[in-house]
Amino acid sequence: MAESRPAALPPAERTVGQLVAESIRFYGEHFGPVVLLGIPFLVIDVISLNASVTAQTIVAWLLGPVVCAAYVRACMLIGRTFWSWRAYAVALIVYLPFPLLVRIYVLPGIAWFALVGLAVPAAMYEGLGVRAALRRGVQLGRADLVHAIGGLATVCIVYGVSRGALQVLLHTQGDQAQKIAVVLADIVLSPILYVGGALLYADQAARLAPVE
């Protein structure tokens, strides 16, 4: 007799590992629309592969609007709601320092998004204006900052390790094959970053809610 899968904990009690597991589960159950979220990383790879750090940062800034659109789309898929231009405007503001923070070191970028990035789903799900959403994002991030940073960091680690493993599997010989391996790895695996970031909203909102 097949064993049933244990019931997932509610968002208020969800651990970092369960956040990653739920992100992977959602990706698997909605593979078609979610895998399309990897297109921005595909474009960034094609343009900036083997370029200098400065050039990669500039490319990341120039393609920021596409990356932000993918994140808003991920929030749409998870919340089963409609496109929000306010959420998109908030995403653009949050994204502005992100490429520089990531180039300095990955952790500052993760911490920045953990503290402010949930303003994007807040704008979408709560119908907030830009300023109110940014304030709400900070409020959500601080509800359990350790969980927020830990959750996003773990999602990034899973992405990075899986990306490396997939590159090894796809890599054969020659520079062209290596480029193709990187592109395929990113387009398949990068959507997990958007999904994890969007799902984190429910965790932080539940932790912020007053206990009755």
N, C-alpha and C. Protein backbone atom coordinates (compact mmCIF):
# COMPACT_ATOMS: atom_id res chain seq x y z
N MET A 1 0.84 -1.18 0.00
CA MET A 1 0.00 0.00 0.00
C MET A 1 0.89 1.25 0.00
N ALA A 2 0.59 2.18 -0.90
CA ALA A 2 1.42 3.38 -1.03
C ALA A 2 1.23 4.28 0.17
N GLU A 3 2.31 4.88 0.63
CA GLU A 3 2.23 5.79 1.76
C GLU A 3 1.78 7.16 1.27
N SER A 4 0.87 7.78 2.03
CA SER A 4 0.38 9.11 1.66
C SER A 4 1.40 10.15 2.08
N ARG A 5 1.47 11.23 1.33
CA ARG A 5 2.42 12.29 1.63
C ARG A 5 1.94 13.07 2.85
N PRO A 6 2.81 13.37 3.82
CA PRO A 6 2.40 14.13 5.00
C PRO A 6 1.81 15.48 4.60
N ALA A 7 0.80 15.88 5.34
CA ALA A 7 0.15 17.16 5.03
C ALA A 7 1.13 18.31 5.30
N ALA A 8 1.12 19.27 4.41
CA ALA A 8 2.02 20.42 4.57
C ALA A 8 1.55 21.28 5.74
N LEU A 9 2.51 21.84 6.46
CA LEU A 9 2.17 22.73 7.56
C LEU A 9 1.58 24.03 7.00
N PRO A 10 0.75 24.72 7.79
CA PRO A 10 0.23 26.01 7.34
C PRO A 10 1.35 27.03 7.21
N PRO A 11 1.14 28.09 6.42
CA PRO A 11 2.22 29.06 6.19
C PRO A 11 2.85 29.62 7.46
N ALA A 12 2.05 29.82 8.51
CA ALA A 12 2.60 30.39 9.74
C ALA A 12 3.61 29.47 10.40
N GLU A 13 3.54 28.18 10.10
CA GLU A 13 4.44 27.20 10.72
C GLU A 13 5.40 26.58 9.71
N ARG A 14 5.35 27.05 8.47
CA ARG A 14 6.16 26.43 7.42
C ARG A 14 7.65 26.69 7.65
N THR A 15 8.44 25.65 7.54
CA THR A 15 9.89 25.78 7.69
C THR A 15 10.51 26.19 6.36
N VAL A 16 11.80 26.50 6.43
CA VAL A 16 12.54 26.85 5.22
C VAL A 16 12.51 25.69 4.22
N GLY A 17 12.73 24.48 4.72
CA GLY A 17 12.72 23.31 3.84
C GLY A 17 11.37 23.10 3.18
N GLN A 18 10.31 23.35 3.92
CA GLN A 18 8.97 23.18 3.34
C GLN A 18 8.65 24.27 2.33
N LEU A 19 9.21 25.47 2.54
CA LEU A 19 9.04 26.53 1.55
C LEU A 19 9.64 26.10 0.22
N VAL A 20 10.84 25.52 0.27
CA VAL A 20 11.48 25.03 -0.94
C VAL A 20 10.67 23.90 -1.56
N ALA A 21 10.20 22.98 -0.70
CA ALA A 21 9.43 21.83 -1.20
C ALA A 21 8.14 22.29 -1.86
N GLU A 22 7.47 23.28 -1.27
CA GLU A 22 6.23 23.80 -1.86
C GLU A 22 6.50 24.53 -3.17
N SER A 23 7.64 25.20 -3.25
CA SER A 23 8.02 25.87 -4.50
C SER A 23 8.22 24.86 -5.61
N ILE A 24 8.91 23.77 -5.31
CA ILE A 24 9.15 22.71 -6.30
C ILE A 24 7.85 22.03 -6.68
N ARG A 25 7.00 21.79 -5.68
CA ARG A 25 5.71 21.14 -5.96
C ARG A 25 4.85 22.01 -6.88
N PHE A 26 4.79 23.31 -6.57
CA PHE A 26 4.00 24.22 -7.41
C PHE A 26 4.55 24.26 -8.83
N TYR A 27 5.87 24.30 -8.95
CA TYR A 27 6.52 24.30 -10.27
C TYR A 27 6.12 23.05 -11.04
N GLY A 28 6.18 21.90 -10.38
CA GLY A 28 5.84 20.65 -11.06
C GLY A 28 4.39 20.57 -11.49
N GLU A 29 3.50 21.14 -10.68
CA GLU A 29 2.07 21.07 -10.99
C GLU A 29 1.65 22.12 -12.02
N HIS A 30 2.48 23.14 -12.23
CA HIS A 30 2.16 24.19 -13.20
C HIS A 30 3.36 24.42 -14.12
N PHE A 31 3.95 23.33 -14.59
CA PHE A 31 5.21 23.42 -15.31
C PHE A 31 5.14 24.34 -16.53
N GLY A 32 4.10 24.21 -17.35
CA GLY A 32 4.00 24.98 -18.59
C GLY A 32 4.13 26.48 -18.38
N PRO A 33 3.23 27.09 -17.58
CA PRO A 33 3.33 28.54 -17.38
C PRO A 33 4.52 28.97 -16.54
N VAL A 34 4.96 28.10 -15.61
CA VAL A 34 6.06 28.50 -14.72
C VAL A 34 7.39 28.48 -15.45
N VAL A 35 7.62 27.49 -16.30
CA VAL A 35 8.92 27.41 -16.98
C VAL A 35 9.17 28.63 -17.87
N LEU A 36 8.11 29.27 -18.33
CA LEU A 36 8.26 30.48 -19.16
C LEU A 36 8.87 31.64 -18.36
N LEU A 37 8.79 31.55 -17.03
CA LEU A 37 9.40 32.59 -16.20
C LEU A 37 10.91 32.60 -16.34
N GLY A 38 11.49 31.54 -16.89
CA GLY A 38 12.93 31.47 -17.07
C GLY A 38 13.44 32.26 -18.26
N ILE A 39 12.55 32.82 -19.07
CA ILE A 39 12.96 33.55 -20.27
C ILE A 39 13.89 34.73 -19.96
N PRO A 40 13.60 35.55 -18.91
CA PRO A 40 14.53 36.65 -18.62
C PRO A 40 15.96 36.19 -18.38
N PHE A 41 16.13 35.09 -17.64
CA PHE A 41 17.48 34.57 -17.40
C PHE A 41 18.11 34.07 -18.69
N LEU A 42 17.28 33.51 -19.56
CA LEU A 42 17.77 33.07 -20.86
C LEU A 42 18.35 34.25 -21.63
N VAL A 43 17.62 35.35 -21.67
CA VAL A 43 18.08 36.54 -22.40
C VAL A 43 19.35 37.10 -21.77
N ILE A 44 19.38 37.16 -20.43
CA ILE A 44 20.56 37.67 -19.74
C ILE A 44 21.77 36.79 -20.05
N ASP A 45 21.57 35.47 -20.06
CA ASP A 45 22.67 34.55 -20.36
C ASP A 45 23.22 34.79 -21.77
N VAL A 46 22.32 34.89 -22.73
CA VAL A 46 22.73 35.03 -24.12
C VAL A 46 23.54 36.31 -24.32
N ILE A 47 23.13 37.38 -23.64
CA ILE A 47 23.79 38.68 -23.83
C ILE A 47 25.09 38.79 -23.04
N SER A 48 25.09 38.28 -21.80
CA SER A 48 26.21 38.58 -20.89
C SER A 48 27.13 37.42 -20.58
N LEU A 49 26.90 36.25 -21.17
CA LEU A 49 27.75 35.10 -20.87
C LEU A 49 29.20 35.39 -21.24
N ASN A 50 30.12 35.12 -20.32
CA ASN A 50 31.55 35.35 -20.49
C ASN A 50 31.93 36.83 -20.53
N ALA A 51 30.97 37.71 -20.21
CA ALA A 51 31.27 39.15 -20.17
C ALA A 51 31.87 39.50 -18.81
N SER A 52 32.39 40.71 -18.69
CA SER A 52 32.95 41.17 -17.42
C SER A 52 31.84 41.37 -16.39
N VAL A 53 32.23 41.48 -15.13
CA VAL A 53 31.25 41.70 -14.06
C VAL A 53 30.50 43.01 -14.28
N THR A 54 31.23 44.04 -14.72
CA THR A 54 30.58 45.33 -14.99
C THR A 54 29.54 45.20 -16.09
N ALA A 55 29.91 44.52 -17.16
CA ALA A 55 28.97 44.33 -18.27
C ALA A 55 27.76 43.52 -17.84
N GLN A 56 27.97 42.49 -17.02
CA GLN A 56 26.87 41.68 -16.54
C GLN A 56 25.91 42.49 -15.67
N THR A 57 26.48 43.38 -14.86
CA THR A 57 25.65 44.23 -14.01
C THR A 57 24.79 45.17 -14.84
N ILE A 58 25.41 45.76 -15.87
CA ILE A 58 24.67 46.67 -16.75
C ILE A 58 23.55 45.93 -17.47
N VAL A 59 23.84 44.73 -17.95
CA VAL A 59 22.81 43.92 -18.62
C VAL A 59 21.68 43.61 -17.66
N ALA A 60 22.02 43.26 -16.42
CA ALA A 60 21.00 42.94 -15.42
C ALA A 60 20.11 44.15 -15.15
N TRP A 61 20.69 45.34 -15.14
CA TRP A 61 19.88 46.55 -14.95
C TRP A 61 18.98 46.79 -16.17
N LEU A 62 19.55 46.68 -17.36
CA LEU A 62 18.77 46.96 -18.57
C LEU A 62 17.60 45.98 -18.73
N LEU A 63 17.81 44.74 -18.31
CA LEU A 63 16.76 43.73 -18.44
C LEU A 63 15.91 43.61 -17.18
N GLY A 64 16.13 44.51 -16.24
CA GLY A 64 15.35 44.51 -15.01
C GLY A 64 13.85 44.52 -15.23
N PRO A 65 13.32 45.33 -16.16
CA PRO A 65 11.87 45.32 -16.39
C PRO A 65 11.32 43.95 -16.76
N VAL A 66 12.10 43.15 -17.49
CA VAL A 66 11.64 41.81 -17.86
C VAL A 66 11.67 40.88 -16.65
N VAL A 67 12.73 40.99 -15.84
CA VAL A 67 12.82 40.20 -14.62
C VAL A 67 11.67 40.53 -13.68
N CYS A 68 11.37 41.82 -13.54
CA CYS A 68 10.27 42.25 -12.68
C CYS A 68 8.93 41.73 -13.19
N ALA A 69 8.76 41.74 -14.49
CA ALA A 69 7.52 41.22 -15.08
C ALA A 69 7.35 39.73 -14.76
N ALA A 70 8.46 38.99 -14.78
CA ALA A 70 8.40 37.56 -14.46
C ALA A 70 7.99 37.34 -13.01
N TYR A 71 8.48 38.18 -12.12
CA TYR A 71 8.12 38.03 -10.70
C TYR A 71 6.65 38.35 -10.48
N VAL A 72 6.17 39.40 -11.12
CA VAL A 72 4.75 39.74 -11.01
C VAL A 72 3.89 38.61 -11.58
N ARG A 73 4.36 38.03 -12.67
CA ARG A 73 3.64 36.89 -13.27
C ARG A 73 3.62 35.70 -12.31
N ALA A 74 4.72 35.45 -11.60
CA ALA A 74 4.75 34.37 -10.62
C ALA A 74 3.73 34.62 -9.51
N CYS A 75 3.64 35.86 -9.05
CA CYS A 75 2.64 36.22 -8.04
C CYS A 75 1.22 36.00 -8.57
N MET A 76 1.02 36.30 -9.84
CA MET A 76 -0.28 36.06 -10.47
C MET A 76 -0.63 34.58 -10.45
N LEU A 77 0.31 33.74 -10.82
CA LEU A 77 0.07 32.30 -10.89
C LEU A 77 -0.26 31.72 -9.52
N ILE A 78 0.48 32.15 -8.51
CA ILE A 78 0.28 31.61 -7.17
C ILE A 78 -1.00 32.15 -6.55
N GLY A 79 -1.27 33.44 -6.74
CA GLY A 79 -2.47 34.04 -6.17
C GLY A 79 -3.71 33.89 -7.03
N ARG A 80 -3.52 33.36 -8.26
CA ARG A 80 -4.63 33.21 -9.21
C ARG A 80 -5.39 34.52 -9.36
N THR A 81 -4.62 35.56 -9.62
CA THR A 81 -5.19 36.88 -9.77
C THR A 81 -4.77 37.49 -11.09
N PHE A 82 -5.04 38.77 -11.27
CA PHE A 82 -4.77 39.43 -12.54
C PHE A 82 -3.52 40.31 -12.43
N TRP A 83 -3.04 40.73 -13.59
CA TRP A 83 -1.86 41.60 -13.65
C TRP A 83 -2.12 42.90 -12.89
N SER A 84 -1.11 43.38 -12.21
CA SER A 84 -1.20 44.64 -11.46
C SER A 84 -0.06 45.55 -11.85
N TRP A 85 -0.40 46.68 -12.44
CA TRP A 85 0.65 47.64 -12.81
C TRP A 85 1.29 48.26 -11.58
N ARG A 86 0.53 48.38 -10.49
CA ARG A 86 1.11 48.91 -9.26
C ARG A 86 2.15 47.94 -8.71
N ALA A 87 1.83 46.65 -8.75
CA ALA A 87 2.80 45.65 -8.31
C ALA A 87 4.05 45.69 -9.19
N TYR A 88 3.85 45.91 -10.47
CA TYR A 88 4.99 45.99 -11.40
C TYR A 88 5.84 47.21 -11.10
N ALA A 89 5.20 48.35 -10.79
CA ALA A 89 5.95 49.56 -10.45
C ALA A 89 6.76 49.35 -9.16
N VAL A 90 6.15 48.67 -8.19
CA VAL A 90 6.85 48.36 -6.95
C VAL A 90 8.04 47.45 -7.23
N ALA A 91 7.84 46.46 -8.09
CA ALA A 91 8.92 45.53 -8.44
C ALA A 91 10.10 46.28 -9.05
N LEU A 92 9.84 47.23 -9.91
CA LEU A 92 10.91 48.02 -10.54
C LEU A 92 11.71 48.79 -9.49
N ILE A 93 11.01 49.37 -8.51
CA ILE A 93 11.69 50.14 -7.46
C ILE A 93 12.55 49.22 -6.60
N VAL A 94 11.98 48.07 -6.22
CA VAL A 94 12.72 47.12 -5.39
C VAL A 94 13.94 46.59 -6.12
N TYR A 95 13.81 46.40 -7.43
CA TYR A 95 14.88 45.79 -8.21
C TYR A 95 16.07 46.72 -8.44
N LEU A 96 15.87 48.02 -8.40
CA LEU A 96 16.89 48.99 -8.77
C LEU A 96 18.28 48.70 -8.17
N PRO A 97 18.42 48.53 -6.85
CA PRO A 97 19.77 48.29 -6.32
C PRO A 97 20.20 46.83 -6.38
N PHE A 98 19.28 45.94 -6.77
CA PHE A 98 19.53 44.51 -6.67
C PHE A 98 20.75 44.02 -7.46
N PRO A 99 20.91 44.39 -8.74
CA PRO A 99 22.08 43.90 -9.49
C PRO A 99 23.41 44.29 -8.86
N LEU A 100 23.49 45.50 -8.31
CA LEU A 100 24.73 45.94 -7.67
C LEU A 100 24.98 45.17 -6.37
N LEU A 101 23.92 44.96 -5.58
CA LEU A 101 24.06 44.23 -4.32
C LEU A 101 24.51 42.79 -4.57
N VAL A 102 23.95 42.17 -5.60
CA VAL A 102 24.31 40.79 -5.91
C VAL A 102 25.75 40.69 -6.38
N ARG A 103 26.21 41.68 -7.15
CA ARG A 103 27.58 41.65 -7.65
C ARG A 103 28.59 41.87 -6.53
N ILE A 104 28.21 42.67 -5.52
CA ILE A 104 29.09 42.86 -4.37
C ILE A 104 29.24 41.53 -3.64
N TYR A 105 28.10 40.91 -3.35
CA TYR A 105 28.05 39.59 -2.73
C TYR A 105 26.59 39.16 -2.76
N VAL A 106 26.33 37.89 -2.86
CA VAL A 106 24.95 37.42 -3.04
C VAL A 106 24.08 37.74 -1.83
N LEU A 107 24.62 37.57 -0.62
CA LEU A 107 23.81 37.71 0.59
C LEU A 107 23.16 39.08 0.75
N PRO A 108 23.87 40.21 0.49
CA PRO A 108 23.19 41.51 0.59
C PRO A 108 21.98 41.61 -0.33
N GLY A 109 22.06 41.03 -1.52
CA GLY A 109 20.92 41.04 -2.43
C GLY A 109 19.75 40.25 -1.88
N ILE A 110 20.05 39.09 -1.29
CA ILE A 110 19.01 38.27 -0.68
C ILE A 110 18.38 38.99 0.50
N ALA A 111 19.20 39.60 1.35
CA ALA A 111 18.70 40.32 2.51
C ALA A 111 17.83 41.50 2.10
N TRP A 112 18.23 42.21 1.05
CA TRP A 112 17.44 43.34 0.55
C TRP A 112 16.07 42.87 0.09
N PHE A 113 16.05 41.79 -0.69
CA PHE A 113 14.77 41.30 -1.18
C PHE A 113 13.91 40.77 -0.04
N ALA A 114 14.53 40.11 0.96
CA ALA A 114 13.78 39.58 2.10
C ALA A 114 13.12 40.71 2.88
N LEU A 115 13.80 41.85 2.98
CA LEU A 115 13.29 42.97 3.76
C LEU A 115 12.28 43.82 3.00
N VAL A 116 12.42 43.91 1.68
CA VAL A 116 11.58 44.83 0.91
C VAL A 116 10.77 44.14 -0.19
N GLY A 117 11.28 43.03 -0.72
CA GLY A 117 10.70 42.43 -1.92
C GLY A 117 9.27 41.97 -1.81
N LEU A 118 8.80 41.67 -0.59
CA LEU A 118 7.41 41.21 -0.45
C LEU A 118 6.40 42.33 -0.66
N ALA A 119 6.92 43.54 -0.90
CA ALA A 119 6.03 44.64 -1.27
C ALA A 119 5.31 44.35 -2.59
N VAL A 120 5.94 43.55 -3.45
CA VAL A 120 5.34 43.25 -4.77
C VAL A 120 4.07 42.41 -4.63
N PRO A 121 4.11 41.23 -3.98
CA PRO A 121 2.85 40.51 -3.78
C PRO A 121 1.87 41.27 -2.89
N ALA A 122 2.38 42.09 -1.97
CA ALA A 122 1.49 42.89 -1.13
C ALA A 122 0.68 43.86 -1.97
N ALA A 123 1.34 44.50 -2.93
CA ALA A 123 0.63 45.43 -3.82
C ALA A 123 -0.43 44.69 -4.63
N MET A 124 -0.12 43.47 -5.05
CA MET A 124 -1.06 42.70 -5.88
C MET A 124 -2.22 42.14 -5.07
N TYR A 125 -1.90 41.48 -3.97
CA TYR A 125 -2.93 40.77 -3.21
C TYR A 125 -3.74 41.67 -2.29
N GLU A 126 -3.14 42.76 -1.83
CA GLU A 126 -3.82 43.63 -0.88
C GLU A 126 -4.32 44.92 -1.52
N GLY A 127 -4.03 45.10 -2.81
CA GLY A 127 -4.52 46.28 -3.52
C GLY A 127 -3.94 47.59 -3.03
N LEU A 128 -2.68 47.57 -2.61
CA LEU A 128 -2.05 48.75 -2.04
C LEU A 128 -1.41 49.62 -3.12
N GLY A 129 -1.29 50.91 -2.82
CA GLY A 129 -0.54 51.79 -3.69
C GLY A 129 0.94 51.56 -3.53
N VAL A 130 1.74 52.26 -4.33
CA VAL A 130 3.19 52.02 -4.34
C VAL A 130 3.81 52.28 -2.97
N ARG A 131 3.56 53.45 -2.38
CA ARG A 131 4.18 53.77 -1.09
C ARG A 131 3.69 52.84 0.01
N ALA A 132 2.39 52.60 0.03
CA ALA A 132 1.83 51.72 1.06
C ALA A 132 2.37 50.30 0.91
N ALA A 133 2.56 49.86 -0.32
CA ALA A 133 3.07 48.51 -0.57
C ALA A 133 4.52 48.40 -0.10
N LEU A 134 5.32 49.42 -0.32
CA LEU A 134 6.71 49.39 0.13
C LEU A 134 6.79 49.34 1.65
N ARG A 135 5.94 50.11 2.32
CA ARG A 135 5.90 50.06 3.79
C ARG A 135 5.45 48.68 4.26
N ARG A 136 4.44 48.13 3.58
CA ARG A 136 3.93 46.81 3.93
C ARG A 136 5.00 45.73 3.69
N GLY A 137 5.78 45.90 2.63
CA GLY A 137 6.85 44.95 2.34
C GLY A 137 7.86 44.88 3.47
N VAL A 138 8.25 46.04 3.99
CA VAL A 138 9.19 46.07 5.11
C VAL A 138 8.56 45.43 6.35
N GLN A 139 7.28 45.72 6.56
CA GLN A 139 6.56 45.14 7.69
C GLN A 139 6.52 43.61 7.59
N LEU A 140 6.25 43.11 6.39
CA LEU A 140 6.21 41.67 6.17
C LEU A 140 7.60 41.04 6.34
N GLY A 141 8.60 41.70 5.80
CA GLY A 141 9.95 41.18 5.90
C GLY A 141 10.41 41.07 7.34
N ARG A 142 10.06 42.06 8.16
CA ARG A 142 10.49 42.08 9.56
C ARG A 142 9.66 41.16 10.44
N ALA A 143 8.54 40.63 9.93
CA ALA A 143 7.70 39.74 10.72
C ALA A 143 8.49 38.53 11.21
N ASP A 144 9.36 38.02 10.37
CA ASP A 144 10.28 36.93 10.73
C ASP A 144 11.43 37.01 9.73
N LEU A 145 12.34 37.94 9.99
CA LEU A 145 13.41 38.22 9.03
C LEU A 145 14.33 37.02 8.84
N VAL A 146 14.53 36.26 9.90
CA VAL A 146 15.39 35.07 9.80
C VAL A 146 14.77 34.06 8.82
N HIS A 147 13.46 33.85 8.93
CA HIS A 147 12.77 32.92 8.02
C HIS A 147 12.82 33.46 6.59
N ALA A 148 12.61 34.77 6.44
CA ALA A 148 12.60 35.37 5.10
C ALA A 148 13.97 35.22 4.42
N ILE A 149 15.03 35.60 5.14
CA ILE A 149 16.37 35.50 4.57
C ILE A 149 16.75 34.04 4.37
N GLY A 150 16.46 33.21 5.38
CA GLY A 150 16.80 31.79 5.29
C GLY A 150 16.07 31.10 4.16
N GLY A 151 14.78 31.44 3.98
CA GLY A 151 14.00 30.82 2.91
C GLY A 151 14.53 31.19 1.54
N LEU A 152 14.80 32.48 1.34
CA LEU A 152 15.30 32.93 0.04
C LEU A 152 16.72 32.39 -0.21
N ALA A 153 17.54 32.39 0.83
CA ALA A 153 18.90 31.87 0.67
C ALA A 153 18.88 30.39 0.30
N THR A 154 17.99 29.64 0.92
CA THR A 154 17.91 28.21 0.63
C THR A 154 17.42 27.96 -0.79
N VAL A 155 16.43 28.73 -1.22
CA VAL A 155 15.95 28.61 -2.60
C VAL A 155 17.09 28.90 -3.57
N CYS A 156 17.88 29.95 -3.27
CA CYS A 156 19.01 30.29 -4.13
C CYS A 156 20.07 29.19 -4.14
N ILE A 157 20.30 28.58 -2.98
CA ILE A 157 21.28 27.49 -2.91
C ILE A 157 20.80 26.29 -3.72
N VAL A 158 19.53 25.95 -3.58
CA VAL A 158 18.96 24.84 -4.35
C VAL A 158 19.09 25.12 -5.84
N TYR A 159 18.80 26.36 -6.24
CA TYR A 159 18.94 26.76 -7.64
C TYR A 159 20.39 26.63 -8.10
N GLY A 160 21.32 27.16 -7.28
CA GLY A 160 22.72 27.14 -7.67
C GLY A 160 23.29 25.73 -7.77
N VAL A 161 22.98 24.89 -6.79
CA VAL A 161 23.49 23.51 -6.81
C VAL A 161 22.88 22.74 -7.97
N SER A 162 21.57 22.89 -8.17
CA SER A 162 20.90 22.18 -9.28
C SER A 162 21.42 22.67 -10.62
N ARG A 163 21.67 23.97 -10.70
CA ARG A 163 22.20 24.55 -11.95
C ARG A 163 23.57 23.96 -12.27
N GLY A 164 24.42 23.87 -11.24
CA GLY A 164 25.74 23.29 -11.45
C GLY A 164 25.69 21.84 -11.87
N ALA A 165 24.79 21.08 -11.21
CA ALA A 165 24.65 19.66 -11.55
C ALA A 165 24.13 19.49 -12.97
N LEU A 166 23.16 20.32 -13.36
CA LEU A 166 22.60 20.21 -14.71
C LEU A 166 23.63 20.60 -15.76
N GLN A 167 24.46 21.58 -15.45
CA GLN A 167 25.52 21.98 -16.38
C GLN A 167 26.50 20.83 -16.60
N VAL A 168 26.82 20.13 -15.52
CA VAL A 168 27.73 18.98 -15.64
C VAL A 168 27.11 17.90 -16.52
N LEU A 169 25.83 17.65 -16.34
CA LEU A 169 25.15 16.62 -17.12
C LEU A 169 25.04 16.99 -18.60
N LEU A 170 24.82 18.30 -18.85
CA LEU A 170 24.63 18.75 -20.23
C LEU A 170 25.94 19.06 -20.94
N HIS A 171 26.99 19.25 -20.14
CA HIS A 171 28.27 19.65 -20.73
C HIS A 171 28.93 18.47 -21.45
N THR A 172 29.37 18.71 -22.64
CA THR A 172 30.12 17.68 -23.38
C THR A 172 31.52 18.21 -23.63
N GLN A 173 31.71 18.85 -24.75
CA GLN A 173 33.02 19.43 -25.05
C GLN A 173 32.82 20.70 -25.84
N GLY A 174 33.76 21.61 -25.65
CA GLY A 174 33.74 22.83 -26.45
C GLY A 174 32.99 23.96 -25.77
N ASP A 175 33.37 25.17 -26.11
CA ASP A 175 32.80 26.37 -25.52
C ASP A 175 31.33 26.52 -25.87
N GLN A 176 30.95 26.20 -27.10
CA GLN A 176 29.57 26.35 -27.52
C GLN A 176 28.64 25.43 -26.72
N ALA A 177 29.08 24.21 -26.48
CA ALA A 177 28.28 23.26 -25.69
C ALA A 177 28.12 23.76 -24.26
N GLN A 178 29.16 24.37 -23.74
CA GLN A 178 29.09 24.89 -22.37
C GLN A 178 28.09 26.04 -22.29
N LYS A 179 28.06 26.90 -23.28
CA LYS A 179 27.10 28.01 -23.30
C LYS A 179 25.68 27.49 -23.36
N ILE A 180 25.46 26.48 -24.20
CA ILE A 180 24.12 25.89 -24.31
C ILE A 180 23.70 25.28 -22.98
N ALA A 181 24.65 24.64 -22.29
CA ALA A 181 24.35 24.03 -21.00
C ALA A 181 23.92 25.07 -19.98
N VAL A 182 24.62 26.22 -19.95
CA VAL A 182 24.28 27.29 -19.02
C VAL A 182 22.89 27.84 -19.31
N VAL A 183 22.60 28.08 -20.58
CA VAL A 183 21.30 28.63 -20.99
C VAL A 183 20.17 27.68 -20.62
N LEU A 184 20.34 26.40 -20.93
CA LEU A 184 19.30 25.42 -20.61
C LEU A 184 19.10 25.29 -19.11
N ALA A 185 20.20 25.31 -18.37
CA ALA A 185 20.11 25.21 -16.91
C ALA A 185 19.32 26.37 -16.33
N ASP A 186 19.60 27.59 -16.80
CA ASP A 186 18.93 28.76 -16.25
C ASP A 186 17.46 28.83 -16.63
N ILE A 187 17.12 28.52 -17.86
CA ILE A 187 15.72 28.64 -18.27
C ILE A 187 14.85 27.61 -17.56
N VAL A 188 15.43 26.45 -17.22
CA VAL A 188 14.67 25.41 -16.54
C VAL A 188 14.60 25.66 -15.04
N LEU A 189 15.68 26.14 -14.45
CA LEU A 189 15.78 26.21 -12.99
C LEU A 189 15.46 27.58 -12.39
N SER A 190 15.68 28.66 -13.13
CA SER A 190 15.49 29.98 -12.55
C SER A 190 14.05 30.28 -12.11
N PRO A 191 13.01 29.68 -12.72
CA PRO A 191 11.65 29.97 -12.23
C PRO A 191 11.43 29.66 -10.76
N ILE A 192 12.22 28.75 -10.19
CA ILE A 192 12.05 28.40 -8.78
C ILE A 192 12.33 29.60 -7.89
N LEU A 193 13.16 30.53 -8.35
CA LEU A 193 13.47 31.73 -7.57
C LEU A 193 12.24 32.63 -7.46
N TYR A 194 11.52 32.80 -8.56
CA TYR A 194 10.31 33.63 -8.55
C TYR A 194 9.22 32.99 -7.70
N VAL A 195 9.04 31.69 -7.87
CA VAL A 195 7.99 30.98 -7.15
C VAL A 195 8.26 31.02 -5.64
N GLY A 196 9.50 30.76 -5.25
CA GLY A 196 9.85 30.80 -3.84
C GLY A 196 9.63 32.17 -3.23
N GLY A 197 10.00 33.22 -3.97
CA GLY A 197 9.80 34.58 -3.48
C GLY A 197 8.33 34.93 -3.32
N ALA A 198 7.50 34.45 -4.24
CA ALA A 198 6.06 34.72 -4.16
C ALA A 198 5.41 33.94 -3.03
N LEU A 199 5.80 32.69 -2.84
CA LEU A 199 5.22 31.87 -1.77
C LEU A 199 5.61 32.38 -0.39
N LEU A 200 6.77 33.01 -0.30
CA LEU A 200 7.23 33.53 0.99
C LEU A 200 6.26 34.57 1.55
N TYR A 201 5.53 35.26 0.69
CA TYR A 201 4.55 36.25 1.15
C TYR A 201 3.56 35.64 2.12
N ALA A 202 3.02 34.47 1.79
CA ALA A 202 2.03 33.82 2.66
C ALA A 202 2.63 33.48 4.02
N ASP A 203 3.88 33.02 4.03
CA ASP A 203 4.55 32.70 5.28
C ASP A 203 4.66 33.93 6.18
N GLN A 204 5.15 35.01 5.61
CA GLN A 204 5.40 36.22 6.39
C GLN A 204 4.09 36.89 6.81
N ALA A 205 3.10 36.88 5.93
CA ALA A 205 1.80 37.47 6.28
C ALA A 205 1.16 36.71 7.42
N ALA A 206 1.27 35.39 7.42
CA ALA A 206 0.70 34.57 8.48
C ALA A 206 1.44 34.82 9.81
N ARG A 207 2.73 35.01 9.73
CA ARG A 207 3.50 35.28 10.95
C ARG A 207 3.22 36.66 11.51
N LEU A 208 2.78 37.57 10.65
CA LEU A 208 2.50 38.93 11.08
C LEU A 208 1.12 39.05 11.70
N ALA A 209 0.21 38.14 11.31
CA ALA A 209 -1.17 38.21 11.80
C ALA A 209 -1.20 38.03 13.31
N PRO A 210 -2.02 38.82 14.00
CA PRO A 210 -2.09 38.70 15.46
C PRO A 210 -2.68 37.36 15.88
N VAL A 211 -2.17 36.82 16.97
CA VAL A 211 -2.70 35.55 17.48
C VAL A 211 -3.95 35.83 18.29
N GLU A 212 -5.04 35.13 17.95
CA GLU A 212 -6.31 35.36 18.64
C GLU A 212 -6.42 34.46 19.86
